[in-house]
């Protein structure tokens, strides 16, 4: 179960290096002003809650999610469950932030607590409890393991993360954890929201900001998980890298002197940019340039495009 085919690594080496360098810049800029940190955390909590719930079918919009969290407003025409899902996820995020510290180590108790918050007042009989029966997942290309194996599999997964026998970097480790958790499917309900919380325990303990899988990438996300079931982690790792980079950029933008990001459409319309929007957007989707996604739009910098062109020309000359 724990043998991972890392043939993807060479294709991600440049991306990993870029993310590590961004984290180093962020580390040097810490501590950020408390006012900036509060605003970032508040915005990420709303986005994280909206996107994670929407992936699972919650119909509240981003603005409606914000109103429920910040103003406690009940949205007309939306179910009580959908409101609970928003408030529960907010509480789960607060719990996650409260347990992260320099020497934190992933443990099953915290995963159970996160799940308990996710299903609180929704399915109390299952909240914070491992499943004791079989489950099937619509659209998935696998059947989760027998319920009797779940406790041991969770313990093995946590041991894998803590011991890291394959020497994976933090982003790889969080990606493999994410997939294996979904494969184990330890709960009757709430697995997706719980794993998208729990994977950030790994990232945040290592000093990365929380990564958010976007609702607009829902189809790609499920396809990536199915590919990972067949041993191919490339697509899931790409989604994870993009999510980490987006959050890193949000934090870095709070530091003075950082280059601002613009939409690709804006940059390619400027004089001196020799590549078209479609090609630059493809580079962004493939993780070949420094870019991040907002809604359906990709944002990057002119320097990122110029660096890519320069590196490509240099390789041709070698």
Protein backbone atom coordinates (compact mmCIF):
# COMPACT_ATOMS: atom_id res chain seq x y z
CA UNK A 1 0.00 0.00 0.00
CA UNK A 2 2.82 2.40 0.79
CA UNK A 3 4.97 1.89 -2.32
CA UNK A 4 4.69 5.08 -4.41
CA UNK A 5 5.76 5.36 -8.04
CA UNK A 6 7.72 8.65 -8.12
CA UNK A 7 8.38 8.77 -11.86
CA UNK A 8 6.46 12.07 -11.75
CA UNK A 9 9.23 13.74 -9.72
CA UNK A 10 11.43 15.12 -12.52
CA UNK A 11 8.45 16.94 -14.02
CA UNK A 12 7.73 18.63 -10.69
CA UNK A 13 11.27 19.44 -9.57
CA UNK A 14 11.13 23.05 -10.81
CA UNK A 15 7.69 23.56 -9.25
CA UNK A 16 8.82 22.14 -5.90
CA UNK A 17 11.86 24.42 -5.92
CA UNK A 18 9.72 27.47 -6.70
CA UNK A 19 7.32 26.69 -3.84
CA UNK A 20 10.18 26.13 -1.41
CA UNK A 21 11.73 29.47 -2.40
CA UNK A 22 8.38 31.23 -1.92
CA UNK A 23 8.03 29.67 1.51
CA UNK A 24 11.54 30.88 2.39
CA UNK A 25 10.59 34.43 1.38
CA UNK A 26 7.47 34.15 3.54
CA UNK A 27 9.49 32.78 6.48
CA UNK A 28 11.87 35.76 6.24
CA UNK A 29 8.92 38.16 6.25
CA UNK A 30 7.38 36.64 9.36
CA UNK A 31 5.84 37.63 11.62
CA UNK A 32 3.32 39.40 9.42
CA UNK A 33 1.37 42.27 10.99
CA UNK A 34 -1.53 40.94 13.06
CA UNK A 35 -4.05 43.01 11.13
CA UNK A 36 -2.89 41.49 7.83
CA UNK A 37 -2.87 37.98 9.30
CA UNK A 38 -6.40 38.40 10.62
CA UNK A 39 -7.70 39.56 7.23
CA UNK A 40 -5.98 36.72 5.37
CA UNK A 41 -7.20 34.08 7.81
CA UNK A 42 -10.75 35.44 7.67
CA UNK A 43 -10.78 35.47 3.85
CA UNK A 44 -9.24 31.98 3.62
CA UNK A 45 -11.74 30.57 6.13
CA UNK A 46 -14.63 31.77 3.96
CA UNK A 47 -13.04 30.51 0.72
CA UNK A 48 -11.99 27.19 2.27
CA UNK A 49 -15.46 26.59 3.68
CA UNK A 50 -17.23 27.58 0.48
CA UNK A 51 -15.04 25.49 -1.84
CA UNK A 52 -14.86 22.37 0.32
CA UNK A 53 -18.62 22.34 0.96
CA UNK A 54 -19.42 23.10 -2.69
CA UNK A 55 -17.35 20.13 -3.85
CA UNK A 56 -19.69 17.98 -1.73
CA UNK A 57 -22.86 19.57 -3.16
CA UNK A 58 -23.59 22.48 -0.81
CA UNK A 59 -25.43 25.14 -2.88
CA UNK A 60 -24.60 28.24 -0.82
CA UNK A 61 -22.65 30.77 -2.89
CA UNK A 62 -19.39 32.35 -1.75
CA UNK A 63 -21.24 35.52 -0.73
CA UNK A 64 -23.94 33.53 1.10
CA UNK A 65 -21.23 31.52 2.88
CA UNK A 66 -19.63 34.78 3.98
CA UNK A 67 -22.97 36.07 5.30
CA UNK A 68 -23.58 32.90 7.32
CA UNK A 69 -20.07 33.01 8.84
CA UNK A 70 -19.68 36.71 9.48
CA UNK A 71 -23.23 37.85 10.09
CA UNK A 72 -25.03 34.68 11.19
CA UNK A 73 -27.70 35.26 8.57
CA UNK A 74 -30.07 32.48 7.52
CA UNK A 75 -30.29 32.29 3.73
CA UNK A 76 -33.83 31.92 2.41
CA UNK A 77 -34.44 28.77 0.38
CA UNK A 78 -31.36 26.96 1.71
CA UNK A 79 -31.58 23.89 3.92
CA UNK A 80 -30.71 23.81 7.61
CA UNK A 81 -28.06 21.17 6.83
CA UNK A 82 -26.30 23.53 4.42
CA UNK A 83 -26.15 26.20 7.12
CA UNK A 84 -24.77 23.68 9.63
CA UNK A 85 -22.16 22.60 7.09
CA UNK A 86 -20.88 26.18 6.88
CA UNK A 87 -20.77 26.85 10.62
CA UNK A 88 -19.32 23.40 11.35
CA UNK A 89 -16.53 23.85 8.84
CA UNK A 90 -15.66 27.23 10.33
CA UNK A 91 -15.40 25.65 13.81
CA UNK A 92 -13.27 22.81 12.40
CA UNK A 93 -10.85 25.34 10.87
CA UNK A 94 -10.60 27.17 14.21
CA UNK A 95 -9.80 23.85 15.89
CA UNK A 96 -7.15 23.10 13.26
CA UNK A 97 -5.42 26.45 13.84
CA UNK A 98 -5.56 25.92 17.61
CA UNK A 99 -3.64 22.62 17.58
CA UNK A 100 -0.89 23.57 15.12
CA UNK A 101 2.43 24.43 16.77
CA UNK A 102 6.12 24.00 16.00
CA UNK A 103 6.40 20.44 17.35
CA UNK A 104 2.94 19.25 16.31
CA UNK A 105 2.62 15.65 15.10
CA UNK A 106 -0.35 14.24 13.23
CA UNK A 107 -2.52 11.96 15.36
CA UNK A 108 -5.77 10.05 14.90
CA UNK A 109 -7.48 11.92 17.74
CA UNK A 110 -7.24 15.20 15.83
CA UNK A 111 -8.66 13.63 12.66
CA UNK A 112 -11.60 12.24 14.64
CA UNK A 113 -12.14 15.64 16.26
CA UNK A 114 -12.14 17.38 12.87
CA UNK A 115 -14.71 14.90 11.60
CA UNK A 116 -16.75 15.40 14.76
CA UNK A 117 -16.96 19.12 14.06
CA UNK A 118 -17.80 18.55 10.36
CA UNK A 119 -20.86 16.41 11.15
CA UNK A 120 -21.93 18.10 14.39
CA UNK A 121 -25.73 18.58 14.55
CA UNK A 122 -26.01 16.87 11.13
CA UNK A 123 -25.30 13.21 11.75
CA UNK A 124 -24.44 13.05 15.44
CA UNK A 125 -24.40 9.25 15.55
CA UNK A 126 -21.51 9.18 13.03
CA UNK A 127 -19.65 12.35 14.06
CA UNK A 128 -16.09 11.59 15.12
CA UNK A 129 -16.56 7.83 14.77
CA UNK A 130 -14.94 5.45 12.29
CA UNK A 131 -17.39 3.52 10.13
CA UNK A 132 -18.41 0.03 11.23
CA UNK A 133 -19.89 -1.08 7.92
CA UNK A 134 -19.19 -1.16 4.19
CA UNK A 135 -19.52 1.83 1.84
CA UNK A 136 -19.53 2.37 -1.91
CA UNK A 137 -18.56 5.61 -3.61
CA UNK A 138 -20.51 6.81 -6.64
CA UNK A 139 -18.23 7.44 -9.63
CA UNK A 140 -15.12 5.95 -8.00
CA UNK A 141 -13.05 3.17 -9.57
CA UNK A 142 -12.50 1.28 -6.31
CA UNK A 143 -14.31 -0.23 -3.32
CA UNK A 144 -13.08 1.00 0.10
CA UNK A 145 -11.59 -1.64 2.41
CA UNK A 146 -13.57 -3.66 4.92
CA UNK A 147 -14.61 -1.65 7.99
CA UNK A 148 -12.69 -4.01 10.30
CA UNK A 149 -9.44 -2.94 8.63
CA UNK A 150 -10.09 0.80 8.91
CA UNK A 151 -8.61 1.47 12.41
CA UNK A 152 -5.32 -0.27 11.54
CA UNK A 153 -5.14 1.39 8.12
CA UNK A 154 -5.57 4.84 9.68
CA UNK A 155 -2.82 4.07 12.20
CA UNK A 156 -0.56 2.85 9.36
CA UNK A 157 -1.27 6.01 7.34
CA UNK A 158 -0.40 8.26 10.28
CA UNK A 159 2.79 6.25 10.92
CA UNK A 160 3.66 6.64 7.23
CA UNK A 161 3.31 10.41 7.48
CA UNK A 162 5.32 10.66 10.70
CA UNK A 163 8.13 8.31 9.62
CA UNK A 164 8.13 9.33 5.94
CA UNK A 165 10.03 6.20 4.84
CA UNK A 166 10.15 7.30 1.18
CA UNK A 167 11.69 10.70 1.98
CA UNK A 168 8.82 12.64 0.38
CA UNK A 169 8.76 16.42 0.58
CA UNK A 170 5.90 18.04 2.49
CA UNK A 171 3.70 18.62 -0.56
CA UNK A 172 4.16 15.05 -1.78
CA UNK A 173 3.45 13.75 1.71
CA UNK A 174 0.21 15.76 1.99
CA UNK A 175 -0.84 14.55 -1.48
CA UNK A 176 -0.24 10.87 -0.71
CA UNK A 177 -1.99 11.27 2.66
CA UNK A 178 -4.95 12.87 0.90
CA UNK A 179 -5.32 10.03 -1.57
CA UNK A 180 -4.77 7.18 0.89
CA UNK A 181 -7.28 8.71 3.32
CA UNK A 182 -9.94 8.88 0.60
CA UNK A 183 -9.10 5.30 -0.39
CA UNK A 184 -9.53 4.09 3.23
CA UNK A 185 -12.74 6.15 3.44
CA UNK A 186 -12.82 5.85 7.24
CA UNK A 187 -16.22 7.47 7.80
CA UNK A 188 -19.76 6.90 6.55
CA UNK A 189 -20.02 10.58 5.61
CA UNK A 190 -17.85 13.70 5.67
CA UNK A 191 -14.65 12.07 4.35
CA UNK A 192 -13.94 14.74 1.72
CA UNK A 193 -14.31 17.75 4.01
CA UNK A 194 -12.32 15.99 6.73
CA UNK A 195 -9.38 15.06 4.49
CA UNK A 196 -9.21 18.56 3.00
CA UNK A 197 -8.90 19.82 6.57
CA UNK A 198 -6.51 17.11 7.79
CA UNK A 199 -4.07 17.39 4.88
CA UNK A 200 -3.46 20.97 6.01
CA UNK A 201 -2.26 19.71 9.37
CA UNK A 202 0.72 18.32 7.43
CA UNK A 203 1.27 21.45 5.33
CA UNK A 204 0.79 23.97 8.14
CA UNK A 205 2.98 22.09 10.60
CA UNK A 206 5.78 22.46 8.04
CA UNK A 207 5.15 26.20 7.75
CA UNK A 208 3.05 26.29 4.59
CA UNK A 209 -0.26 28.18 4.56
CA UNK A 210 -3.45 26.10 4.20
CA UNK A 211 -4.13 24.84 0.67
CA UNK A 212 -7.65 25.02 -0.76
CA UNK A 213 -8.93 22.73 -3.53
CA UNK A 214 -11.24 24.92 -5.62
CA UNK A 215 -14.83 24.05 -6.50
CA UNK A 216 -14.12 24.89 -10.15
CA UNK A 217 -11.57 22.06 -10.16
CA UNK A 218 -14.08 19.52 -8.81
CA UNK A 219 -14.09 17.36 -11.96
CA UNK A 220 -10.29 17.41 -12.22
CA UNK A 221 -10.05 16.61 -8.52
CA UNK A 222 -12.19 13.48 -8.74
CA UNK A 223 -10.39 12.38 -11.91
CA UNK A 224 -7.05 12.91 -10.13
CA UNK A 225 -8.15 10.76 -7.18
CA UNK A 226 -9.23 7.98 -9.55
CA UNK A 227 -5.87 8.16 -11.34
CA UNK A 228 -4.10 7.97 -7.97
CA UNK A 229 -6.01 4.76 -7.27
CA UNK A 230 -4.14 3.34 -10.28
CA UNK A 231 -0.80 4.58 -8.95
CA UNK A 232 -0.60 7.79 -11.01
CA UNK A 233 -0.20 10.78 -8.67
CA UNK A 234 0.70 13.35 -11.30
CA UNK A 235 -2.68 15.08 -11.66
CA UNK A 236 -3.43 15.11 -7.91
CA UNK A 237 0.04 16.44 -7.13
CA UNK A 238 -0.41 19.20 -9.71
CA UNK A 239 -3.70 20.25 -8.09
CA UNK A 240 -2.01 20.24 -4.68
CA UNK A 241 0.93 22.33 -5.91
CA UNK A 242 -1.46 24.85 -7.47
CA UNK A 243 -3.45 25.07 -4.24
CA UNK A 244 -0.29 25.57 -2.15
CA UNK A 245 1.06 28.20 -4.55
CA UNK A 246 -2.19 30.14 -4.54
CA UNK A 247 -2.16 30.38 -0.73
CA UNK A 248 1.54 31.24 -0.66
CA UNK A 249 0.88 34.09 -3.08
CA UNK A 250 -1.94 35.42 -0.92
CA UNK A 251 0.41 35.57 2.08
CA UNK A 252 3.33 36.95 0.04
CA UNK A 253 1.14 39.75 -1.32
CA UNK A 254 0.87 41.00 2.27
CA UNK A 255 4.64 41.58 2.34
CA UNK A 256 6.03 44.93 1.14
CA UNK A 257 7.84 45.05 -2.20
CA UNK A 258 6.29 41.93 -3.71
CA UNK A 259 5.52 41.86 -7.42
CA UNK A 260 1.80 42.01 -8.03
CA UNK A 261 -0.03 39.31 -9.99
CA UNK A 262 -2.26 40.12 -12.96
CA UNK A 263 -4.63 38.09 -15.07
CA UNK A 264 -2.98 36.32 -17.99
CA UNK A 265 -5.34 38.11 -20.38
CA UNK A 266 -4.02 41.47 -19.16
CA UNK A 267 -0.35 40.49 -19.36
CA UNK A 268 -0.43 39.01 -22.86
CA UNK A 269 -2.13 42.15 -24.17
CA UNK A 270 0.90 44.21 -23.13
CA UNK A 271 3.65 44.97 -25.68
CA UNK A 272 6.69 42.71 -25.65
CA UNK A 273 4.92 39.49 -24.63
CA UNK A 274 5.43 37.06 -27.51
CA UNK A 275 3.14 34.26 -26.28
CA UNK A 276 -0.64 34.21 -26.61
CA UNK A 277 -3.20 33.81 -23.84
CA UNK A 278 -4.05 30.20 -24.67
CA UNK A 279 -0.43 29.05 -24.48
CA UNK A 280 0.40 30.95 -21.29
CA UNK A 281 -2.78 29.61 -19.69
CA UNK A 282 -1.68 26.08 -20.63
CA UNK A 283 1.71 26.70 -18.96
CA UNK A 284 -0.15 27.85 -15.83
CA UNK A 285 -2.42 24.79 -15.76
CA UNK A 286 0.59 22.51 -16.19
CA UNK A 287 2.46 24.21 -13.33
CA UNK A 288 5.32 25.32 -15.60
CA UNK A 289 5.13 28.97 -14.59
CA UNK A 290 4.48 30.80 -11.34
CA UNK A 291 0.68 31.21 -11.43
CA UNK A 292 -2.45 30.72 -9.38
CA UNK A 293 -6.16 30.45 -10.01
CA UNK A 294 -9.00 32.72 -8.87
CA UNK A 295 -12.39 31.35 -9.89
CA UNK A 296 -11.87 30.38 -13.53
CA UNK A 297 -9.10 32.91 -14.21
CA UNK A 298 -5.35 32.39 -13.97
CA UNK A 299 -3.03 35.04 -12.56
CA UNK A 300 0.73 35.32 -13.06
CA UNK A 301 3.48 37.92 -13.42
CA UNK A 302 5.27 39.19 -16.48
CA UNK A 303 8.54 38.10 -14.85
CA UNK A 304 7.29 34.51 -14.57
CA UNK A 305 6.61 34.42 -18.32
CA UNK A 306 9.94 36.06 -19.16
CA UNK A 307 11.82 33.60 -16.91
CA UNK A 308 10.13 30.66 -18.64
CA UNK A 309 11.02 32.01 -22.11
CA UNK A 310 14.62 32.66 -21.05
CA UNK A 311 15.04 29.17 -19.53
CA UNK A 312 13.57 27.52 -22.60
CA UNK A 313 15.90 29.42 -24.93
CA UNK A 314 18.88 28.49 -22.75
CA UNK A 315 17.99 24.79 -22.90
CA UNK A 316 17.73 24.96 -26.71
CA UNK A 317 21.26 26.38 -26.89
CA UNK A 318 22.76 23.60 -24.76
